[in-house]
């Protein structure tokens, strides 16, 4: 993803009339956790086509990650539908957007209701309402059984709740339908972690990185390696633990990620022990 940014930047510069080019660059910056840069191009995309809520959602995403919720709230009344833009508006404290999601959960339209269930689930989880979050995701999957995104989210939520068998059933459904989007690998890693299968967990996390090499997937792999190394240390497999920790440190790239600092400390403990 990082390598694509110069190409996307060149495209956006050459096609200033093309809002999609600006949006693609904004999305890449957001995925690379560079919100200040994302804001510039997301605003440009939305300004070119203010009726397109996909562009407004990317703008809101960048503003939220840049720590500028007041700017989201200033534009929140422009949101007309559900989806990501509505979620970010609600997450920033826009009462009307929260009410919209709460009401839309009961919509007669299954697609509208499923969308609201999904985003309200994310909100309630951030507020510590784990049981309601899980119930909302189950409802989203029930309403839209062919939507892999909702089902993958549910797998991870079920794993966090320790509901192994139910999580297995939903991941198997995704596999049978050959839904192998990036979220599938994250869900697979969560299930393997719950089962205590660190090799399969790390395999899935590496596949996630291959599917989308961004700070988020690298961070997940880094913490997975640290957790696996800790398990190895408890079992006396110090050589394998050291290999995993070295791999984790190599993922950091000098950005000072916490998982890399923890990996470095654990590696030092192994060296001292040896």
Protein backbone atom coordinates (compact mmCIF):
# COMPACT_ATOMS: atom_id res chain seq x y z
CA UNK A 1 0.00 0.00 0.00
CA UNK A 2 2.78 2.47 0.87
CA UNK A 3 4.41 1.91 -2.52
CA UNK A 4 1.15 2.86 -4.26
CA UNK A 5 0.95 6.32 -2.72
CA UNK A 6 3.37 8.07 -5.16
CA UNK A 7 1.42 6.59 -8.08
CA UNK A 8 -1.91 7.67 -6.60
CA UNK A 9 -0.53 11.12 -5.78
CA UNK A 10 0.66 11.52 -9.38
CA UNK A 11 -2.76 10.42 -10.63
CA UNK A 12 -4.58 12.86 -8.35
CA UNK A 13 -2.32 15.69 -9.47
CA UNK A 14 -2.80 14.93 -13.16
CA UNK A 15 -6.56 14.44 -12.85
CA UNK A 16 -7.61 17.35 -10.63
CA UNK A 17 -11.09 17.16 -12.14
CA UNK A 18 -11.46 13.52 -11.06
CA UNK A 19 -12.90 13.22 -7.54
CA UNK A 20 -12.35 9.47 -7.58
CA UNK A 21 -8.59 9.97 -8.00
CA UNK A 22 -8.52 12.23 -4.93
CA UNK A 23 -10.64 9.73 -2.99
CA UNK A 24 -8.34 6.81 -3.83
CA UNK A 25 -5.36 8.77 -2.53
CA UNK A 26 -7.25 9.83 0.63
CA UNK A 27 -8.22 6.21 1.29
CA UNK A 28 -4.61 5.08 0.90
CA UNK A 29 -3.43 7.76 3.34
CA UNK A 30 -6.11 6.71 5.83
CA UNK A 31 -5.09 3.05 5.55
CA UNK A 32 -1.47 4.07 6.11
CA UNK A 33 -2.55 6.02 9.22
CA UNK A 34 -1.58 9.38 7.74
CA UNK A 35 -4.80 11.30 8.48
CA UNK A 36 -3.43 14.81 8.04
CA UNK A 37 -2.58 14.01 4.43
CA UNK A 38 -5.84 12.09 3.99
CA UNK A 39 -7.85 15.15 5.08
CA UNK A 40 -6.53 17.23 2.17
CA UNK A 41 -7.52 14.80 -0.57
CA UNK A 42 -10.72 13.57 1.07
CA UNK A 43 -11.92 17.17 1.32
CA UNK A 44 -10.98 17.68 -2.33
CA UNK A 45 -12.93 14.56 -3.39
CA UNK A 46 -16.01 15.54 -1.37
CA UNK A 47 -15.89 19.16 -2.56
CA UNK A 48 -15.94 17.91 -6.15
CA UNK A 49 -18.97 15.69 -5.57
CA UNK A 50 -20.66 16.80 -2.32
CA UNK A 51 -23.65 14.54 -2.96
CA UNK A 52 -21.51 11.39 -2.76
CA UNK A 53 -21.52 10.18 0.86
CA UNK A 54 -18.68 7.74 0.20
CA UNK A 55 -16.40 10.75 -0.17
CA UNK A 56 -17.86 12.46 2.90
CA UNK A 57 -17.27 9.25 4.88
CA UNK A 58 -13.59 9.22 3.91
CA UNK A 59 -13.35 12.88 4.93
CA UNK A 60 -14.96 12.12 8.29
CA UNK A 61 -12.63 9.15 8.80
CA UNK A 62 -9.59 11.35 8.23
CA UNK A 63 -10.90 14.13 10.49
CA UNK A 64 -11.64 11.65 13.30
CA UNK A 65 -8.21 10.08 13.09
CA UNK A 66 -6.61 13.52 12.99
CA UNK A 67 -8.35 14.39 16.25
CA UNK A 68 -10.72 16.95 14.71
CA UNK A 69 -14.22 15.81 15.78
CA UNK A 70 -15.62 19.36 15.86
CA UNK A 71 -15.18 19.57 12.09
CA UNK A 72 -17.12 16.33 11.68
CA UNK A 73 -19.93 17.69 13.85
CA UNK A 74 -20.04 20.88 11.77
CA UNK A 75 -20.84 18.80 8.68
CA UNK A 76 -22.81 15.95 10.27
CA UNK A 77 -26.21 17.34 9.31
CA UNK A 78 -25.26 16.78 5.65
CA UNK A 79 -25.39 12.99 6.08
CA UNK A 80 -28.57 11.62 4.55
CA UNK A 81 -28.18 7.87 4.81
CA UNK A 82 -26.51 5.18 6.95
CA UNK A 83 -23.07 3.71 6.42
CA UNK A 84 -19.63 4.86 7.44
CA UNK A 85 -20.34 8.60 7.35
CA UNK A 86 -23.26 8.14 9.73
CA UNK A 87 -21.10 6.03 12.05
CA UNK A 88 -18.31 8.62 12.29
CA UNK A 89 -20.82 11.39 12.90
CA UNK A 90 -22.37 9.35 15.73
CA UNK A 91 -18.95 8.43 17.12
CA UNK A 92 -18.11 12.13 17.34
CA UNK A 93 -21.22 12.78 19.43
CA UNK A 94 -23.80 13.80 16.81
CA UNK A 95 -27.03 12.98 18.63
CA UNK A 96 -29.17 12.90 15.48
CA UNK A 97 -26.87 10.33 13.87
CA UNK A 98 -26.99 8.13 16.94
CA UNK A 99 -30.78 8.37 16.92
CA UNK A 100 -30.81 7.55 13.19
CA UNK A 101 -28.87 4.33 13.82
CA UNK A 102 -31.05 3.36 16.78
CA UNK A 103 -34.19 3.89 14.71
CA UNK A 104 -32.83 2.19 11.58
CA UNK A 105 -32.16 -1.02 13.48
CA UNK A 106 -35.93 -1.52 13.30
CA UNK A 107 -36.24 -0.60 9.62
CA UNK A 108 -38.48 -2.79 7.45
CA UNK A 109 -35.67 -2.79 4.87
CA UNK A 110 -33.25 -5.60 5.75
CA UNK A 111 -30.24 -3.88 4.17
CA UNK A 112 -30.85 -0.63 6.07
CA UNK A 113 -31.41 -2.50 9.33
CA UNK A 114 -28.29 -4.67 8.89
CA UNK A 115 -26.14 -1.61 8.18
CA UNK A 116 -27.44 0.13 11.29
CA UNK A 117 -26.89 -3.00 13.40
CA UNK A 118 -23.30 -3.21 12.21
CA UNK A 119 -22.30 0.37 12.97
CA UNK A 120 -24.29 0.57 16.19
CA UNK A 121 -22.47 -2.60 17.26
CA UNK A 122 -19.12 -0.86 16.77
CA UNK A 123 -20.33 2.11 18.79
CA UNK A 124 -21.76 0.08 21.65
CA UNK A 125 -18.61 -2.05 21.85
CA UNK A 126 -16.49 1.10 22.23
CA UNK A 127 -18.82 2.09 25.07
CA UNK A 128 -18.28 -1.22 26.88
CA UNK A 129 -21.62 -2.82 25.99
CA UNK A 130 -20.19 -6.13 24.81
CA UNK A 131 -23.41 -8.14 25.03
CA UNK A 132 -25.45 -5.65 23.03
CA UNK A 133 -22.67 -5.30 20.48
CA UNK A 134 -22.64 -9.05 19.94
CA UNK A 135 -26.44 -9.21 19.67
CA UNK A 136 -26.44 -6.44 17.07
CA UNK A 137 -23.84 -8.21 14.94
CA UNK A 138 -25.77 -11.46 15.12
CA UNK A 139 -28.81 -9.55 13.89
CA UNK A 140 -26.82 -7.96 11.04
CA UNK A 141 -25.70 -11.41 9.84
CA UNK A 142 -29.24 -12.74 10.15
CA UNK A 143 -30.56 -9.90 8.00
CA UNK A 144 -27.75 -10.02 5.43
CA UNK A 145 -26.40 -13.60 5.46
CA UNK A 146 -24.39 -13.15 2.26
CA UNK A 147 -22.46 -10.13 3.53
CA UNK A 148 -19.01 -11.44 4.46
CA UNK A 149 -17.97 -8.20 6.15
CA UNK A 150 -20.66 -8.50 8.83
CA UNK A 151 -19.95 -12.20 9.34
CA UNK A 152 -16.19 -11.69 9.68
CA UNK A 153 -16.82 -9.00 12.29
CA UNK A 154 -19.10 -11.43 14.12
CA UNK A 155 -16.40 -14.13 14.16
CA UNK A 156 -13.99 -11.77 15.89
CA UNK A 157 -16.64 -10.64 18.36
CA UNK A 158 -17.54 -14.25 19.16
CA UNK A 159 -13.88 -15.08 19.71
CA UNK A 160 -13.53 -12.16 22.11
CA UNK A 161 -16.51 -13.58 23.99
CA UNK A 162 -14.96 -17.07 24.04
CA UNK A 163 -17.78 -18.60 21.96
CA UNK A 164 -15.61 -21.04 20.02
CA UNK A 165 -18.16 -23.30 18.34
CA UNK A 166 -20.33 -20.48 17.05
CA UNK A 167 -17.25 -18.67 15.74
CA UNK A 168 -16.15 -21.84 13.93
CA UNK A 169 -19.52 -22.15 12.22
CA UNK A 170 -19.41 -18.62 10.86
CA UNK A 171 -15.80 -18.85 9.68
CA UNK A 172 -16.64 -22.12 7.91
CA UNK A 173 -19.52 -20.33 6.18
CA UNK A 174 -17.10 -17.69 4.88
CA UNK A 175 -14.68 -20.36 3.70
CA UNK A 176 -17.37 -22.34 1.88
CA UNK A 177 -18.48 -19.16 0.13
CA UNK A 178 -14.86 -18.40 -0.75
CA UNK A 179 -15.02 -14.96 0.86
CA UNK A 180 -11.33 -14.28 1.31
CA UNK A 181 -11.26 -10.53 1.81
CA UNK A 182 -8.65 -9.12 4.26
CA UNK A 183 -11.11 -9.34 7.16
CA UNK A 184 -11.34 -13.11 6.65
CA UNK A 185 -7.72 -13.60 7.66
CA UNK A 186 -8.15 -11.43 10.74
CA UNK A 187 -11.18 -13.49 11.74
CA UNK A 188 -9.28 -16.72 11.09
CA UNK A 189 -6.42 -15.51 13.26
CA UNK A 190 -8.82 -14.68 16.09
CA UNK A 191 -10.30 -18.17 15.96
CA UNK A 192 -6.89 -19.88 15.88
CA UNK A 193 -5.78 -17.77 18.84
CA UNK A 194 -8.83 -18.84 20.82
CA UNK A 195 -8.03 -22.47 19.98
CA UNK A 196 -4.43 -21.97 21.14
CA UNK A 197 -3.04 -22.77 17.67
CA UNK A 198 -0.33 -20.16 17.34
CA UNK A 199 1.11 -21.52 14.09
CA UNK A 200 -2.24 -21.19 12.31
CA UNK A 201 -2.85 -17.82 13.95
CA UNK A 202 0.44 -16.45 12.64
CA UNK A 203 -0.17 -17.99 9.22
CA UNK A 204 -3.50 -16.15 9.01
CA UNK A 205 -1.97 -12.88 10.22
CA UNK A 206 0.76 -13.16 7.58
CA UNK A 207 -1.91 -13.71 4.93
CA UNK A 208 -3.64 -10.59 6.22
CA UNK A 209 -0.43 -8.63 5.74
CA UNK A 210 -0.03 -10.06 2.24
CA UNK A 211 -3.59 -9.02 1.39
CA UNK A 212 -3.09 -5.48 2.69
CA UNK A 213 0.27 -4.29 3.99
CA UNK A 214 -0.70 -1.39 6.22
CA UNK A 215 0.24 -0.40 9.79
CA UNK A 216 -2.85 -2.11 11.20
CA UNK A 217 -2.12 -5.54 9.75
CA UNK A 218 1.58 -5.27 10.59
CA UNK A 219 0.68 -4.31 14.15
CA UNK A 220 -1.65 -7.30 14.48
CA UNK A 221 1.09 -9.62 13.23
CA UNK A 222 3.61 -8.02 15.57
CA UNK A 223 1.44 -8.58 18.63
CA UNK A 224 0.62 -12.10 17.42
CA UNK A 225 4.32 -12.90 17.26
CA UNK A 226 4.87 -11.48 20.74
CA UNK A 227 1.99 -13.53 22.17
CA UNK A 228 3.23 -16.70 20.44
CA UNK A 229 6.75 -16.06 21.73
CA UNK A 230 5.46 -15.70 25.28
CA UNK A 231 3.70 -19.06 24.94
CA UNK A 232 6.96 -20.57 23.65
CA UNK A 233 8.89 -19.13 26.57
CA UNK A 234 6.47 -20.67 29.04
CA UNK A 235 7.01 -24.05 27.36
CA UNK A 236 10.80 -23.66 27.31
CA UNK A 237 11.06 -23.23 23.50
CA UNK A 238 13.47 -20.34 23.78
CA UNK A 239 15.05 -20.67 20.34
CA UNK A 240 11.67 -20.53 18.61
CA UNK A 241 10.60 -17.64 20.86
CA UNK A 242 13.74 -15.73 19.90
CA UNK A 243 12.99 -16.25 16.20
CA UNK A 244 9.47 -14.93 16.60
CA UNK A 245 10.65 -11.90 18.56
CA UNK A 246 13.28 -11.10 15.94
CA UNK A 247 10.55 -11.20 13.28
CA UNK A 248 8.37 -8.88 15.37
CA UNK A 249 11.19 -6.38 15.80
CA UNK A 250 11.77 -6.46 12.05
CA UNK A 251 8.18 -5.37 11.37
CA UNK A 252 8.58 -2.06 13.19
CA UNK A 253 10.61 -0.20 10.58
CA UNK A 254 11.81 2.31 13.16
CA UNK A 255 8.34 3.69 13.92
CA UNK A 256 8.55 2.90 17.64
CA UNK A 257 5.59 0.51 17.81
CA UNK A 258 4.85 -0.79 21.30
CA UNK A 259 4.88 -4.44 20.17
CA UNK A 260 8.44 -4.00 18.91
CA UNK A 261 9.59 -2.53 22.23
CA UNK A 262 7.99 -5.44 24.10
CA UNK A 263 9.58 -7.91 21.67
CA UNK A 264 12.97 -6.31 22.18
CA UNK A 265 12.63 -6.55 25.98
CA UNK A 266 11.62 -10.21 25.81
CA UNK A 267 14.49 -10.98 23.45
CA UNK A 268 16.88 -9.37 25.95
CA UNK A 269 15.46 -11.60 28.71
CA UNK A 270 16.11 -14.70 26.58
CA UNK A 271 19.68 -13.57 25.87
CA UNK A 272 20.31 -12.97 29.55
CA UNK A 273 18.91 -16.38 30.44
CA UNK A 274 21.10 -18.12 27.86
